[in-house]
Amino acid sequence: MLWRCASAVEKAVKSVDPHAKVTVDLLAKTASIESDIGLAAFVAAIEDAG
């Protein structure tokens, strides 16, 4: 089930920036995102994804 959560976060990030590089660590409850787009857009997309 954890892989589905990571997948949902990755999908949300890619919906904001398809070229972003994202790494999700569910155990640490972190996500690293490399993008030129501001953080707020990613936070909103991830929150909307649930």
C-alpha atoms as a PDB file:
ATOM      1  CA  MET A   1       0.000   0.000   0.000  1.00  0.00           C
ATOM      2  CA  LEU A   2       2.899   2.370   0.650  1.00  0.00           C
ATOM      3  CA  TRP A   3       3.862   2.314  -3.010  1.00  0.00           C
ATOM      4  CA  ARG A   4       0.403   3.672  -3.889  1.00  0.00           C
ATOM      5  CA  CYS A   5       0.941   6.618  -1.557  1.00  0.00           C
ATOM      6  CA  ALA A   6       4.339   7.348  -3.094  1.00  0.00           C
ATOM      7  CA  SER A   7       2.787   7.045  -6.531  1.00  0.00           C
ATOM      8  CA  ALA A   8       0.055   9.531  -5.606  1.00  0.00           C
ATOM      9  CA  VAL A   9       2.636  12.059  -4.408  1.00  0.00           C
ATOM     10  CA  GLU A  10       4.729  11.594  -7.562  1.00  0.00           C
ATOM     11  CA  LYS A  11       1.636  11.994  -9.750  1.00  0.00           C
ATOM     12  CA  ALA A  12       0.642  15.188  -7.923  1.00  0.00           C
ATOM     13  CA  VAL A  13       4.142  16.629  -8.368  1.00  0.00           C
ATOM     14  CA  LYS A  14       4.202  15.719 -12.065  1.00  0.00           C
ATOM     15  CA  SER A  15       0.806  17.391 -12.545  1.00  0.00           C
ATOM     16  CA  VAL A  16       2.447  20.674 -11.544  1.00  0.00           C
ATOM     17  CA  ASP A  17       5.759  20.132 -13.366  1.00  0.00           C
ATOM     18  CA  PRO A  18       6.096  17.106 -15.670  1.00  0.00           C
ATOM     19  CA  HIS A  19       9.881  17.596 -15.710  1.00  0.00           C
ATOM     20  CA  ALA A  20      10.334  17.716 -11.928  1.00  0.00           C
ATOM     21  CA  LYS A  21      12.521  15.139 -10.239  1.00  0.00           C
ATOM     22  CA  VAL A  22      10.791  13.735  -7.169  1.00  0.00           C
ATOM     23  CA  THR A  23      11.930  11.309  -4.497  1.00  0.00           C
ATOM     24  CA  VAL A  24       9.449  10.144  -1.866  1.00  0.00           C
ATOM     25  CA  ASP A  25      10.435   8.579   1.465  1.00  0.00           C
ATOM     26  CA  LEU A  26       7.187   7.542   3.143  1.00  0.00           C
ATOM     27  CA  LEU A  27       8.889   6.171   6.236  1.00  0.00           C
ATOM     28  CA  ALA A  28      10.580   9.522   6.844  1.00  0.00           C
ATOM     29  CA  LYS A  29       7.437  11.342   5.640  1.00  0.00           C
ATOM     30  CA  THR A  30       9.452  13.472   3.209  1.00  0.00           C
ATOM     31  CA  ALA A  31       9.543  14.289  -0.474  1.00  0.00           C
ATOM     32  CA  SER A  32      12.405  15.928  -2.337  1.00  0.00           C
ATOM     33  CA  ILE A  33      11.460  17.877  -5.441  1.00  0.00           C
ATOM     34  CA  GLU A  34      13.835  19.415  -7.956  1.00  0.00           C
ATOM     35  CA  SER A  35      12.011  22.030 -10.029  1.00  0.00           C
ATOM     36  CA  ASP A  36      12.049  25.700 -10.974  1.00  0.00           C
ATOM     37  CA  ILE A  37       8.444  26.019  -9.813  1.00  0.00           C
ATOM     38  CA  GLY A  38       7.753  27.330  -6.308  1.00  0.00           C
ATOM     39  CA  LEU A  39       7.068  25.060  -3.365  1.00  0.00           C
ATOM     40  CA  ALA A  40       3.533  26.310  -2.729  1.00  0.00           C
ATOM     41  CA  ALA A  41       2.238  24.832  -6.002  1.00  0.00           C
ATOM     42  CA  PHE A  42       3.547  21.380  -5.044  1.00  0.00           C
ATOM     43  CA  VAL A  43       2.205  21.550  -1.493  1.00  0.00           C
ATOM     44  CA  ALA A  44      -1.253  22.435  -2.818  1.00  0.00           C
ATOM     45  CA  ALA A  45      -1.198  19.625  -5.401  1.00  0.00           C
ATOM     46  CA  ILE A  46      -0.103  17.032  -2.832  1.00  0.00           C
ATOM     47  CA  GLU A  47      -2.719  18.181  -0.330  1.00  0.00           C
ATOM     48  CA  ASP A  48      -5.407  18.032  -3.034  1.00  0.00           C
ATOM     49  CA  ALA A  49      -4.318  14.482  -3.871  1.00  0.00           C
ATOM     50  CA  GLY A  50      -4.983  13.462  -0.268  1.00  0.00           C
END
